[in-house]
């Protein structure tokens, strides 16, 4: 997988890097110090590899290795119900890492996966969280309930998020950009929570609303 950008280079775990392509001499001391293989190339080569603003560096990394339910080690879990926008996923990962909600569950199918845009948008935060892939979100919810987690589903017709007394062990479910939380996941949740809307637009970007919920519900 090819990722790119200055912050990504310096925040990635060195062990995840296969090789670096760079046009900037000021990156070379870092690469040499960490024994990272690299090719010094011109920007035309970098432009041919990626479409975004590479800032003079493209990094070839090993494909992301997803975690399983057995790897859960947090009392605050975020579940993404078929999110499709990698920018939203990357932004949510970064907010989760900032507050210490380090376990994120995604479904295997019909969902954005960890790609170069997710890496770029998370700005290195993805190395400090666990992305857990499951075959079925409802099965995952049922298992989490048995393990003592309380499931909060974010949706428009729920209780004001400010008026909720949140459990110590909890899961926040964020729905997809277009469809929101799926019907079965919503029905399987313990409580539906929502953000009050006072304008003419009745919804927020998924990563923005997730950020508000995450800070209200608390991290570690």
N, C-alpha and C. Protein backbone atom coordinates (compact mmCIF):
# COMPACT_ATOMS: atom_id res chain seq x y z
N UNK A 1 0.84 -1.19 0.00
CA UNK A 1 0.00 0.00 0.00
C UNK A 1 0.88 1.25 0.00
N UNK A 2 0.52 2.21 -0.82
CA UNK A 2 1.26 3.46 -0.90
C UNK A 2 0.54 4.54 -0.11
N UNK A 3 1.26 5.16 0.83
CA UNK A 3 0.75 6.31 1.56
C UNK A 3 1.75 7.44 1.36
N UNK A 4 1.40 8.63 1.80
CA UNK A 4 2.27 9.75 1.47
C UNK A 4 2.09 10.90 2.45
N UNK A 5 3.08 11.79 2.45
CA UNK A 5 3.03 12.98 3.28
C UNK A 5 4.05 12.97 4.40
N UNK A 6 4.51 14.16 4.76
CA UNK A 6 5.54 14.32 5.78
C UNK A 6 5.11 13.76 7.13
N UNK A 7 3.92 14.13 7.59
CA UNK A 7 3.46 13.66 8.91
C UNK A 7 3.30 12.16 8.95
N UNK A 8 2.82 11.58 7.85
CA UNK A 8 2.66 10.13 7.79
C UNK A 8 4.02 9.46 7.92
N UNK A 9 5.02 9.96 7.24
CA UNK A 9 6.36 9.38 7.31
C UNK A 9 6.88 9.36 8.74
N UNK A 10 6.80 10.49 9.42
CA UNK A 10 7.42 10.59 10.74
C UNK A 10 6.59 9.97 11.86
N UNK A 11 5.30 9.71 11.61
CA UNK A 11 4.47 9.12 12.64
C UNK A 11 4.23 7.63 12.45
N UNK A 12 4.55 7.09 11.28
CA UNK A 12 4.42 5.66 11.05
C UNK A 12 5.44 4.88 11.86
N UNK A 13 5.03 3.69 12.32
CA UNK A 13 6.00 2.79 12.93
C UNK A 13 6.98 2.34 11.84
N UNK A 14 8.24 2.42 12.14
CA UNK A 14 9.28 2.09 11.16
C UNK A 14 9.12 0.66 10.64
N UNK A 15 8.69 -0.25 11.51
CA UNK A 15 8.57 -1.66 11.13
C UNK A 15 7.51 -1.89 10.06
N UNK A 16 6.63 -0.92 9.84
CA UNK A 16 5.57 -1.07 8.85
C UNK A 16 5.98 -0.56 7.48
N UNK A 17 7.16 0.02 7.39
CA UNK A 17 7.61 0.63 6.14
C UNK A 17 8.46 -0.36 5.33
N UNK A 18 8.04 -0.58 4.08
CA UNK A 18 8.85 -1.39 3.16
C UNK A 18 9.95 -0.54 2.53
N UNK A 19 9.52 0.58 1.97
CA UNK A 19 10.46 1.43 1.24
C UNK A 19 9.88 2.82 1.09
N UNK A 20 10.78 3.80 1.01
CA UNK A 20 10.37 5.19 0.86
C UNK A 20 10.91 5.76 -0.45
N UNK A 21 10.08 6.53 -1.14
CA UNK A 21 10.49 7.26 -2.34
C UNK A 21 10.40 8.74 -1.99
N UNK A 22 11.51 9.46 -2.12
CA UNK A 22 11.49 10.86 -1.72
C UNK A 22 12.30 11.73 -2.67
N UNK A 23 11.88 12.97 -2.78
CA UNK A 23 12.60 13.95 -3.59
C UNK A 23 13.25 15.01 -2.70
N UNK A 24 13.16 14.83 -1.39
CA UNK A 24 13.65 15.85 -0.46
C UNK A 24 14.85 15.34 0.34
N UNK A 25 15.93 16.08 0.27
CA UNK A 25 17.16 15.69 0.96
C UNK A 25 17.02 15.81 2.49
N UNK A 26 16.12 16.68 2.95
CA UNK A 26 16.00 16.86 4.40
C UNK A 26 15.34 15.67 5.09
N UNK A 27 14.75 14.73 4.30
CA UNK A 27 14.20 13.52 4.89
C UNK A 27 15.27 12.43 5.03
N UNK A 28 16.35 12.56 4.32
CA UNK A 28 17.35 11.49 4.26
C UNK A 28 17.98 11.15 5.62
N UNK A 29 18.33 12.12 6.46
CA UNK A 29 18.90 11.77 7.76
C UNK A 29 17.99 10.86 8.59
N UNK A 30 16.68 11.14 8.56
CA UNK A 30 15.73 10.30 9.29
C UNK A 30 15.69 8.89 8.72
N UNK A 31 15.70 8.79 7.40
CA UNK A 31 15.64 7.48 6.74
C UNK A 31 16.91 6.68 7.04
N UNK A 32 18.05 7.33 6.99
CA UNK A 32 19.30 6.65 7.26
C UNK A 32 19.42 6.24 8.72
N UNK A 33 19.02 7.12 9.59
CA UNK A 33 19.09 6.85 11.03
C UNK A 33 18.26 5.64 11.42
N UNK A 34 17.15 5.44 10.72
CA UNK A 34 16.24 4.33 11.04
C UNK A 34 16.39 3.14 10.10
N UNK A 35 17.44 3.17 9.29
CA UNK A 35 17.73 2.06 8.37
C UNK A 35 16.55 1.72 7.46
N UNK A 36 15.90 2.78 6.96
CA UNK A 36 14.76 2.60 6.06
C UNK A 36 15.26 2.63 4.62
N UNK A 37 14.89 1.63 3.84
CA UNK A 37 15.26 1.60 2.43
C UNK A 37 14.58 2.75 1.70
N UNK A 38 15.31 3.38 0.78
CA UNK A 38 14.71 4.49 0.07
C UNK A 38 15.33 4.66 -1.31
N UNK A 39 14.55 5.30 -2.17
CA UNK A 39 15.04 5.75 -3.48
C UNK A 39 14.89 7.26 -3.53
N UNK A 40 15.95 7.94 -3.94
CA UNK A 40 15.89 9.39 -4.11
C UNK A 40 15.48 9.66 -5.55
N UNK A 41 14.29 10.24 -5.72
CA UNK A 41 13.71 10.39 -7.05
C UNK A 41 13.24 11.83 -7.24
N UNK A 42 12.81 12.16 -8.45
CA UNK A 42 12.26 13.50 -8.66
C UNK A 42 10.74 13.48 -8.46
N UNK A 43 10.15 14.66 -8.41
CA UNK A 43 8.72 14.76 -8.12
C UNK A 43 7.83 14.14 -9.20
N UNK A 44 8.33 14.04 -10.41
CA UNK A 44 7.54 13.40 -11.46
C UNK A 44 7.27 11.95 -11.13
N UNK A 45 8.26 11.28 -10.56
CA UNK A 45 8.08 9.88 -10.14
C UNK A 45 7.03 9.79 -9.04
N UNK A 46 7.12 10.70 -8.07
CA UNK A 46 6.16 10.69 -6.97
C UNK A 46 4.76 11.01 -7.47
N UNK A 47 4.66 11.95 -8.40
CA UNK A 47 3.36 12.32 -8.98
C UNK A 47 2.71 11.14 -9.69
N UNK A 48 3.53 10.28 -10.27
CA UNK A 48 3.00 9.12 -10.99
C UNK A 48 2.52 8.02 -10.05
N UNK A 49 2.98 8.07 -8.81
CA UNK A 49 2.61 7.03 -7.85
C UNK A 49 1.33 7.34 -7.09
N UNK A 50 1.12 8.62 -6.73
CA UNK A 50 -0.06 9.01 -5.97
C UNK A 50 -0.65 10.29 -6.55
N UNK A 51 -1.90 10.55 -6.24
CA UNK A 51 -2.59 11.71 -6.79
C UNK A 51 -2.62 12.90 -5.82
N UNK A 52 -2.43 12.65 -4.54
CA UNK A 52 -2.55 13.72 -3.56
C UNK A 52 -1.27 14.52 -3.40
N UNK A 53 -1.30 15.44 -2.44
CA UNK A 53 -0.15 16.27 -2.12
C UNK A 53 0.85 15.46 -1.31
N UNK A 54 1.85 14.91 -1.97
CA UNK A 54 2.77 13.97 -1.32
C UNK A 54 3.84 14.64 -0.49
N UNK A 55 4.03 15.93 -0.64
CA UNK A 55 5.03 16.69 0.13
C UNK A 55 6.44 16.11 -0.03
N UNK A 56 6.66 15.54 -1.20
CA UNK A 56 8.00 15.05 -1.49
C UNK A 56 8.32 13.67 -0.96
N UNK A 57 7.30 12.93 -0.52
CA UNK A 57 7.58 11.59 0.00
C UNK A 57 6.38 10.66 -0.20
N UNK A 58 6.67 9.48 -0.72
CA UNK A 58 5.68 8.40 -0.86
C UNK A 58 6.25 7.18 -0.15
N UNK A 59 5.43 6.55 0.68
CA UNK A 59 5.89 5.44 1.51
C UNK A 59 5.16 4.17 1.12
N UNK A 60 5.91 3.14 0.82
CA UNK A 60 5.34 1.82 0.53
C UNK A 60 5.30 1.04 1.84
N UNK A 61 4.11 0.74 2.33
CA UNK A 61 3.98 0.07 3.62
C UNK A 61 3.31 -1.29 3.45
N UNK A 62 3.47 -2.13 4.46
CA UNK A 62 2.79 -3.42 4.46
C UNK A 62 1.29 -3.18 4.62
N UNK A 63 0.48 -4.06 3.99
CA UNK A 63 -0.97 -3.92 4.11
C UNK A 63 -1.39 -4.00 5.57
N UNK A 64 -2.44 -3.26 5.90
CA UNK A 64 -2.90 -3.21 7.28
C UNK A 64 -3.42 -4.58 7.73
N UNK A 65 -3.03 -4.98 8.93
CA UNK A 65 -3.49 -6.24 9.50
C UNK A 65 -4.58 -5.94 10.53
N UNK A 66 -5.78 -6.36 10.21
CA UNK A 66 -6.92 -6.09 11.08
C UNK A 66 -6.89 -6.95 12.34
N UNK A 67 -7.48 -6.43 13.39
CA UNK A 67 -7.59 -7.16 14.65
C UNK A 67 -8.92 -7.90 14.69
N UNK A 68 -9.10 -8.73 15.72
CA UNK A 68 -10.34 -9.49 15.91
C UNK A 68 -10.97 -9.09 17.25
N UNK A 69 -12.14 -9.62 17.51
CA UNK A 69 -12.84 -9.35 18.77
C UNK A 69 -12.02 -9.81 19.97
N UNK A 70 -11.18 -10.79 19.77
CA UNK A 70 -10.35 -11.29 20.88
C UNK A 70 -9.29 -10.27 21.29
N UNK A 71 -9.06 -9.27 20.45
CA UNK A 71 -8.03 -8.28 20.74
C UNK A 71 -8.56 -7.04 21.47
N UNK A 72 -9.85 -7.03 21.78
CA UNK A 72 -10.44 -5.87 22.44
C UNK A 72 -9.81 -5.66 23.81
N UNK A 73 -9.39 -4.42 24.07
CA UNK A 73 -8.75 -4.10 25.34
C UNK A 73 -9.14 -2.71 25.85
N UNK A 74 -10.34 -2.25 25.48
CA UNK A 74 -10.79 -0.93 25.87
C UNK A 74 -12.22 -0.99 26.40
N UNK A 75 -12.53 -0.13 27.37
CA UNK A 75 -13.90 -0.06 27.89
C UNK A 75 -14.78 0.87 27.06
N UNK A 76 -14.17 1.55 26.09
CA UNK A 76 -14.93 2.43 25.20
C UNK A 76 -14.60 2.03 23.76
N UNK A 77 -15.60 1.48 23.08
CA UNK A 77 -15.43 0.98 21.72
C UNK A 77 -16.28 1.79 20.76
N UNK A 78 -15.75 2.06 19.59
CA UNK A 78 -16.51 2.74 18.55
C UNK A 78 -16.80 1.74 17.43
N UNK A 79 -18.04 1.70 16.99
CA UNK A 79 -18.44 0.80 15.90
C UNK A 79 -18.91 1.66 14.73
N UNK A 80 -18.35 1.42 13.55
CA UNK A 80 -18.73 2.16 12.35
C UNK A 80 -19.62 1.27 11.48
N UNK A 81 -20.88 1.67 11.36
CA UNK A 81 -21.88 0.87 10.67
C UNK A 81 -21.89 1.21 9.18
N UNK A 82 -21.01 0.52 8.43
CA UNK A 82 -20.92 0.65 6.98
C UNK A 82 -20.61 2.08 6.52
N UNK A 83 -19.66 2.70 7.19
CA UNK A 83 -19.14 3.99 6.75
C UNK A 83 -18.48 3.82 5.39
N UNK A 84 -18.62 4.81 4.51
CA UNK A 84 -18.09 4.65 3.16
C UNK A 84 -17.02 5.67 2.76
N UNK A 85 -16.90 6.73 3.52
CA UNK A 85 -15.96 7.80 3.17
C UNK A 85 -14.65 7.63 3.94
N UNK A 86 -13.54 7.40 3.25
CA UNK A 86 -12.26 7.20 3.96
C UNK A 86 -11.80 8.44 4.72
N UNK A 87 -12.19 9.64 4.27
CA UNK A 87 -11.84 10.85 5.01
C UNK A 87 -12.55 10.87 6.37
N UNK A 88 -13.81 10.47 6.38
CA UNK A 88 -14.53 10.38 7.65
C UNK A 88 -13.91 9.35 8.57
N UNK A 89 -13.57 8.21 8.01
CA UNK A 89 -12.97 7.16 8.83
C UNK A 89 -11.65 7.62 9.43
N UNK A 90 -10.82 8.25 8.61
CA UNK A 90 -9.53 8.73 9.11
C UNK A 90 -9.69 9.76 10.21
N UNK A 91 -10.65 10.68 10.03
CA UNK A 91 -10.90 11.71 11.03
C UNK A 91 -11.42 11.12 12.33
N UNK A 92 -12.30 10.12 12.22
CA UNK A 92 -12.83 9.47 13.41
C UNK A 92 -11.73 8.72 14.15
N UNK A 93 -10.86 8.05 13.41
CA UNK A 93 -9.74 7.35 14.03
C UNK A 93 -8.88 8.32 14.83
N UNK A 94 -8.63 9.48 14.25
CA UNK A 94 -7.78 10.46 14.93
C UNK A 94 -8.44 10.96 16.22
N UNK A 95 -9.74 11.23 16.18
CA UNK A 95 -10.44 11.66 17.39
C UNK A 95 -10.47 10.55 18.43
N UNK A 96 -10.71 9.33 18.00
CA UNK A 96 -10.72 8.19 18.93
C UNK A 96 -9.38 8.07 19.65
N UNK A 97 -8.31 8.20 18.89
CA UNK A 97 -6.98 8.09 19.49
C UNK A 97 -6.74 9.20 20.50
N UNK A 98 -7.23 10.39 20.20
CA UNK A 98 -7.01 11.54 21.08
C UNK A 98 -7.68 11.36 22.43
N UNK A 99 -8.82 10.69 22.48
CA UNK A 99 -9.52 10.54 23.76
C UNK A 99 -9.30 9.17 24.39
N UNK A 100 -8.56 8.29 23.72
CA UNK A 100 -8.26 6.99 24.31
C UNK A 100 -9.25 5.90 24.01
N UNK A 101 -10.15 6.11 23.03
CA UNK A 101 -11.06 5.04 22.59
C UNK A 101 -10.34 4.28 21.47
N UNK A 102 -9.53 3.32 21.85
CA UNK A 102 -8.55 2.76 20.93
C UNK A 102 -9.00 1.49 20.21
N UNK A 103 -10.26 1.10 20.35
CA UNK A 103 -10.79 -0.05 19.63
C UNK A 103 -11.92 0.39 18.72
N UNK A 104 -11.80 0.13 17.42
CA UNK A 104 -12.79 0.55 16.44
C UNK A 104 -13.22 -0.67 15.63
N UNK A 105 -14.51 -0.94 15.61
CA UNK A 105 -15.04 -2.11 14.91
C UNK A 105 -15.66 -1.67 13.58
N UNK A 106 -15.32 -2.40 12.52
CA UNK A 106 -15.92 -2.16 11.20
C UNK A 106 -16.38 -3.49 10.62
N UNK A 107 -17.38 -3.46 9.74
CA UNK A 107 -17.82 -4.70 9.09
C UNK A 107 -16.92 -5.03 7.90
N UNK A 108 -16.88 -6.29 7.58
CA UNK A 108 -16.02 -6.77 6.48
C UNK A 108 -16.53 -6.31 5.12
N UNK A 109 -17.84 -6.27 4.95
CA UNK A 109 -18.42 -5.95 3.64
C UNK A 109 -19.12 -4.59 3.65
N UNK A 110 -19.21 -3.99 2.47
CA UNK A 110 -19.92 -2.74 2.24
C UNK A 110 -19.47 -1.64 3.20
N UNK A 111 -18.17 -1.56 3.39
CA UNK A 111 -17.62 -0.56 4.29
C UNK A 111 -16.27 -0.10 3.78
N UNK A 112 -15.92 1.14 4.08
CA UNK A 112 -14.58 1.61 3.75
C UNK A 112 -13.56 0.80 4.56
N UNK A 113 -12.46 0.45 3.91
CA UNK A 113 -11.39 -0.28 4.57
C UNK A 113 -10.20 0.65 4.77
N UNK A 114 -9.21 0.18 5.47
CA UNK A 114 -8.02 0.99 5.70
C UNK A 114 -7.25 1.12 4.39
N UNK A 115 -7.20 2.33 3.86
CA UNK A 115 -6.48 2.58 2.62
C UNK A 115 -5.58 3.81 2.78
N UNK A 116 -4.99 4.26 1.67
CA UNK A 116 -4.05 5.38 1.76
C UNK A 116 -4.70 6.66 2.28
N UNK A 117 -5.95 6.90 1.91
CA UNK A 117 -6.65 8.11 2.36
C UNK A 117 -6.91 8.05 3.87
N UNK A 118 -7.27 6.88 4.36
CA UNK A 118 -7.48 6.72 5.80
C UNK A 118 -6.19 6.99 6.56
N UNK A 119 -5.08 6.45 6.06
CA UNK A 119 -3.78 6.69 6.68
C UNK A 119 -3.47 8.18 6.68
N UNK A 120 -3.65 8.82 5.55
CA UNK A 120 -3.32 10.23 5.41
C UNK A 120 -4.17 11.09 6.34
N UNK A 121 -5.47 10.82 6.38
CA UNK A 121 -6.39 11.63 7.17
C UNK A 121 -6.19 11.42 8.67
N UNK A 122 -5.84 10.20 9.06
CA UNK A 122 -5.65 9.93 10.49
C UNK A 122 -4.34 10.50 11.00
N UNK A 123 -3.44 10.88 10.09
CA UNK A 123 -2.16 11.52 10.41
C UNK A 123 -1.40 10.71 11.46
N UNK A 124 -1.27 9.41 11.22
CA UNK A 124 -0.48 8.56 12.10
C UNK A 124 -1.23 7.95 13.26
N UNK A 125 -2.44 8.44 13.55
CA UNK A 125 -3.20 7.95 14.70
C UNK A 125 -3.56 6.48 14.56
N UNK A 126 -3.64 5.99 13.33
CA UNK A 126 -4.06 4.61 13.11
C UNK A 126 -3.08 3.62 13.72
N UNK A 127 -1.83 4.03 13.92
CA UNK A 127 -0.85 3.14 14.54
C UNK A 127 -1.11 2.96 16.03
N UNK A 128 -1.95 3.79 16.61
CA UNK A 128 -2.20 3.73 18.05
C UNK A 128 -3.59 3.22 18.41
N UNK A 129 -4.32 2.72 17.40
CA UNK A 129 -5.64 2.15 17.65
C UNK A 129 -5.70 0.76 17.00
N UNK A 130 -6.74 0.01 17.37
CA UNK A 130 -6.97 -1.30 16.77
C UNK A 130 -8.23 -1.24 15.92
N UNK A 131 -8.07 -1.50 14.63
CA UNK A 131 -9.23 -1.60 13.74
C UNK A 131 -9.63 -3.07 13.70
N UNK A 132 -10.79 -3.35 14.24
CA UNK A 132 -11.28 -4.73 14.39
C UNK A 132 -12.31 -5.01 13.30
N UNK A 133 -12.03 -5.99 12.48
CA UNK A 133 -12.96 -6.33 11.40
C UNK A 133 -13.81 -7.53 11.80
N UNK A 134 -15.13 -7.42 11.59
CA UNK A 134 -16.05 -8.51 11.91
C UNK A 134 -16.93 -8.81 10.70
N UNK A 135 -17.46 -10.01 10.67
CA UNK A 135 -18.33 -10.42 9.56
C UNK A 135 -19.74 -9.88 9.73
N UNK A 136 -20.17 -9.71 10.98
CA UNK A 136 -21.54 -9.29 11.24
C UNK A 136 -21.58 -8.37 12.46
N UNK A 137 -22.08 -7.15 12.27
CA UNK A 137 -22.09 -6.19 13.37
C UNK A 137 -23.02 -6.61 14.50
N UNK A 138 -24.14 -7.18 14.16
CA UNK A 138 -25.10 -7.57 15.21
C UNK A 138 -24.57 -8.72 16.07
N UNK A 139 -23.86 -9.63 15.45
CA UNK A 139 -23.23 -10.69 16.24
C UNK A 139 -22.19 -10.10 17.18
N UNK A 140 -21.46 -9.11 16.67
CA UNK A 140 -20.46 -8.44 17.51
C UNK A 140 -21.14 -7.71 18.67
N UNK A 141 -22.26 -7.06 18.40
CA UNK A 141 -23.00 -6.37 19.46
C UNK A 141 -23.46 -7.34 20.53
N UNK A 142 -24.00 -8.48 20.10
CA UNK A 142 -24.48 -9.47 21.06
C UNK A 142 -23.35 -9.97 21.95
N UNK A 143 -22.19 -10.18 21.38
CA UNK A 143 -21.05 -10.62 22.17
C UNK A 143 -20.61 -9.54 23.16
N UNK A 144 -20.60 -8.30 22.70
CA UNK A 144 -20.21 -7.20 23.58
C UNK A 144 -21.20 -7.03 24.73
N UNK A 145 -22.47 -7.23 24.46
CA UNK A 145 -23.47 -7.15 25.53
C UNK A 145 -23.21 -8.21 26.59
N UNK A 146 -22.88 -9.42 26.15
CA UNK A 146 -22.57 -10.49 27.10
C UNK A 146 -21.35 -10.16 27.93
N UNK A 147 -20.46 -9.36 27.36
CA UNK A 147 -19.24 -8.97 28.07
C UNK A 147 -19.44 -7.71 28.91
N UNK A 148 -20.69 -7.25 29.00
CA UNK A 148 -20.99 -6.14 29.90
C UNK A 148 -20.97 -4.76 29.29
N UNK A 149 -20.92 -4.66 27.97
CA UNK A 149 -20.92 -3.35 27.31
C UNK A 149 -22.36 -2.87 27.08
N UNK A 150 -22.55 -1.56 27.21
CA UNK A 150 -23.83 -0.93 26.92
C UNK A 150 -23.72 -0.27 25.56
N UNK A 151 -24.67 -0.52 24.67
CA UNK A 151 -24.58 -0.08 23.28
C UNK A 151 -25.38 1.19 23.05
N UNK A 152 -24.69 2.26 22.65
CA UNK A 152 -25.33 3.53 22.33
C UNK A 152 -25.29 3.74 20.82
N UNK A 153 -26.45 3.94 20.24
CA UNK A 153 -26.56 4.14 18.80
C UNK A 153 -26.86 5.60 18.52
N UNK A 154 -26.06 6.22 17.68
CA UNK A 154 -26.25 7.62 17.32
C UNK A 154 -27.23 7.73 16.15
N UNK A 155 -28.36 8.37 16.39
CA UNK A 155 -29.36 8.50 15.34
C UNK A 155 -30.21 9.74 15.61
N UNK A 156 -30.96 10.18 14.62
CA UNK A 156 -31.68 11.45 14.70
C UNK A 156 -32.79 11.46 15.74
N UNK A 157 -33.44 10.32 15.97
CA UNK A 157 -34.65 10.31 16.81
C UNK A 157 -34.38 9.79 18.22
N UNK A 158 -33.16 9.99 18.71
CA UNK A 158 -32.82 9.49 20.02
C UNK A 158 -32.91 10.53 21.12
N UNK A 159 -32.46 10.15 22.30
CA UNK A 159 -32.44 11.02 23.45
C UNK A 159 -31.29 12.01 23.33
N UNK A 160 -31.50 13.23 23.80
CA UNK A 160 -30.45 14.24 23.78
C UNK A 160 -29.19 13.69 24.44
N UNK A 161 -28.08 13.72 23.73
CA UNK A 161 -26.85 13.11 24.22
C UNK A 161 -26.34 13.74 25.52
N UNK A 162 -26.77 14.97 25.80
CA UNK A 162 -26.36 15.66 27.02
C UNK A 162 -27.11 15.15 28.25
N UNK A 163 -28.22 14.45 28.03
CA UNK A 163 -29.07 14.02 29.13
C UNK A 163 -28.89 12.55 29.49
N UNK A 164 -27.84 11.94 28.96
CA UNK A 164 -27.61 10.51 29.16
C UNK A 164 -26.52 10.29 30.20
N UNK A 165 -26.77 9.34 31.10
CA UNK A 165 -25.77 8.92 32.09
C UNK A 165 -25.04 7.71 31.52
N UNK A 166 -23.86 7.90 30.96
CA UNK A 166 -23.18 6.86 30.20
C UNK A 166 -22.55 5.79 31.10
N UNK A 167 -22.64 4.57 30.64
CA UNK A 167 -22.06 3.43 31.36
C UNK A 167 -20.54 3.48 31.29
N UNK A 168 -19.91 2.77 32.19
CA UNK A 168 -18.45 2.70 32.20
C UNK A 168 -17.93 1.90 31.00
N UNK A 169 -18.60 0.79 30.70
CA UNK A 169 -18.24 -0.01 29.53
C UNK A 169 -19.26 0.27 28.45
N UNK A 170 -18.81 0.85 27.34
CA UNK A 170 -19.78 1.33 26.36
C UNK A 170 -19.28 1.21 24.94
N UNK A 171 -20.25 1.18 24.03
CA UNK A 171 -19.99 1.16 22.59
C UNK A 171 -20.79 2.28 21.95
N UNK A 172 -20.13 3.07 21.12
CA UNK A 172 -20.80 4.12 20.34
C UNK A 172 -20.88 3.66 18.90
N UNK A 173 -22.10 3.57 18.37
CA UNK A 173 -22.31 3.16 16.98
C UNK A 173 -22.57 4.40 16.12
N UNK A 174 -21.75 4.57 15.09
CA UNK A 174 -21.90 5.68 14.15
C UNK A 174 -22.33 5.09 12.80
N UNK A 175 -23.40 5.64 12.23
CA UNK A 175 -23.92 5.10 10.99
C UNK A 175 -23.23 5.64 9.75
N UNK A 176 -23.64 5.14 8.61
CA UNK A 176 -23.06 5.55 7.34
C UNK A 176 -23.51 6.95 6.96
N UNK A 177 -22.79 7.56 6.02
CA UNK A 177 -23.06 8.94 5.63
C UNK A 177 -24.45 9.12 5.04
N UNK A 178 -24.90 8.17 4.24
CA UNK A 178 -26.17 8.32 3.57
C UNK A 178 -27.34 7.69 4.28
N UNK A 179 -27.14 6.49 4.82
CA UNK A 179 -28.24 5.71 5.38
C UNK A 179 -28.35 5.80 6.90
N UNK A 180 -27.30 6.25 7.56
CA UNK A 180 -27.32 6.24 9.02
C UNK A 180 -27.10 4.84 9.55
N UNK A 181 -27.55 4.61 10.77
CA UNK A 181 -27.41 3.30 11.39
C UNK A 181 -28.46 2.35 10.81
N UNK A 182 -28.06 1.13 10.49
CA UNK A 182 -29.00 0.16 9.92
C UNK A 182 -30.07 -0.23 10.93
N UNK A 183 -31.20 -0.65 10.42
CA UNK A 183 -32.37 -0.92 11.26
C UNK A 183 -32.09 -1.97 12.33
N UNK A 184 -31.47 -3.07 11.97
CA UNK A 184 -31.22 -4.14 12.94
C UNK A 184 -30.23 -3.71 14.01
N UNK A 185 -29.21 -2.97 13.61
CA UNK A 185 -28.23 -2.49 14.59
C UNK A 185 -28.91 -1.54 15.57
N UNK A 186 -29.75 -0.67 15.05
CA UNK A 186 -30.48 0.27 15.91
C UNK A 186 -31.38 -0.46 16.89
N UNK A 187 -32.10 -1.46 16.40
CA UNK A 187 -33.00 -2.22 17.27
C UNK A 187 -32.23 -3.03 18.31
N UNK A 188 -31.01 -3.40 17.98
CA UNK A 188 -30.20 -4.22 18.88
C UNK A 188 -29.44 -3.38 19.90
N UNK A 189 -29.47 -2.06 19.73
CA UNK A 189 -28.76 -1.18 20.66
C UNK A 189 -29.57 -1.00 21.94
N UNK A 190 -28.89 -0.61 23.01
CA UNK A 190 -29.56 -0.40 24.29
C UNK A 190 -30.21 0.97 24.37
N UNK A 191 -29.60 1.96 23.74
CA UNK A 191 -30.16 3.31 23.79
C UNK A 191 -29.76 4.08 22.55
N UNK A 192 -30.70 4.87 22.03
CA UNK A 192 -30.45 5.72 20.87
C UNK A 192 -30.21 7.14 21.38
N UNK A 193 -29.11 7.75 20.94
CA UNK A 193 -28.78 9.11 21.38
C UNK A 193 -28.66 10.00 20.14
N UNK A 194 -28.89 11.29 20.34
CA UNK A 194 -28.85 12.20 19.19
C UNK A 194 -28.34 13.57 19.60
N UNK A 195 -27.94 14.33 18.59
CA UNK A 195 -27.52 15.71 18.77
C UNK A 195 -28.69 16.62 18.42
N UNK A 196 -29.00 17.58 19.26
CA UNK A 196 -30.10 18.51 18.92
C UNK A 196 -29.70 19.38 17.74
N UNK A 197 -30.65 19.60 16.84
CA UNK A 197 -30.41 20.41 15.64
C UNK A 197 -31.29 21.65 15.69
N UNK A 198 -30.66 22.82 15.53
CA UNK A 198 -31.41 24.07 15.63
C UNK A 198 -31.47 24.84 14.31
N UNK A 199 -30.74 24.35 13.31
CA UNK A 199 -30.74 25.03 12.02
C UNK A 199 -31.70 24.39 11.04
N UNK A 200 -31.58 24.76 9.79
CA UNK A 200 -32.44 24.21 8.75
C UNK A 200 -31.91 22.88 8.22
N UNK A 201 -30.61 22.63 8.43
CA UNK A 201 -30.02 21.35 8.04
C UNK A 201 -30.11 20.40 9.21
N UNK A 202 -30.59 19.18 8.96
CA UNK A 202 -30.89 18.28 10.08
C UNK A 202 -29.85 17.19 10.30
N UNK A 203 -28.64 17.35 9.76
CA UNK A 203 -27.63 16.33 10.00
C UNK A 203 -26.24 16.94 9.91
N UNK A 204 -25.28 16.26 10.53
CA UNK A 204 -23.88 16.68 10.50
C UNK A 204 -23.04 15.64 9.78
N UNK A 205 -21.87 16.06 9.32
CA UNK A 205 -20.90 15.12 8.79
C UNK A 205 -20.63 14.04 9.84
N UNK A 206 -20.44 12.80 9.39
CA UNK A 206 -20.27 11.67 10.31
C UNK A 206 -19.10 11.87 11.27
N UNK A 207 -17.98 12.38 10.78
CA UNK A 207 -16.82 12.54 11.65
C UNK A 207 -17.02 13.68 12.65
N UNK A 208 -17.76 14.73 12.24
CA UNK A 208 -18.04 15.83 13.15
C UNK A 208 -18.95 15.37 14.29
N UNK A 209 -20.05 14.71 13.94
CA UNK A 209 -20.97 14.22 14.97
C UNK A 209 -20.28 13.20 15.86
N UNK A 210 -19.46 12.33 15.28
CA UNK A 210 -18.73 11.35 16.09
C UNK A 210 -17.84 12.04 17.10
N UNK A 211 -17.18 13.11 16.68
CA UNK A 211 -16.29 13.83 17.57
C UNK A 211 -17.03 14.42 18.77
N UNK A 212 -18.22 14.95 18.52
CA UNK A 212 -19.02 15.53 19.61
C UNK A 212 -19.43 14.44 20.60
N UNK A 213 -19.93 13.32 20.08
CA UNK A 213 -20.32 12.21 20.95
C UNK A 213 -19.14 11.67 21.75
N UNK A 214 -18.02 11.50 21.07
CA UNK A 214 -16.84 10.91 21.71
C UNK A 214 -16.37 11.74 22.90
N UNK A 215 -16.31 13.04 22.74
CA UNK A 215 -15.85 13.88 23.85
C UNK A 215 -16.87 13.97 24.97
N UNK A 216 -18.14 13.87 24.64
CA UNK A 216 -19.17 13.89 25.68
C UNK A 216 -19.15 12.58 26.49
N UNK A 217 -18.97 11.46 25.79
CA UNK A 217 -19.01 10.17 26.43
C UNK A 217 -17.72 9.88 27.20
N UNK A 218 -16.64 10.56 26.82
CA UNK A 218 -15.40 10.41 27.57
C UNK A 218 -14.54 9.27 27.07
N UNK A 219 -13.25 9.40 27.28
CA UNK A 219 -12.30 8.37 26.82
C UNK A 219 -12.01 7.34 27.86
N UNK A 220 -10.76 7.25 28.26
CA UNK A 220 -10.32 6.23 29.19
C UNK A 220 -11.14 6.22 30.48
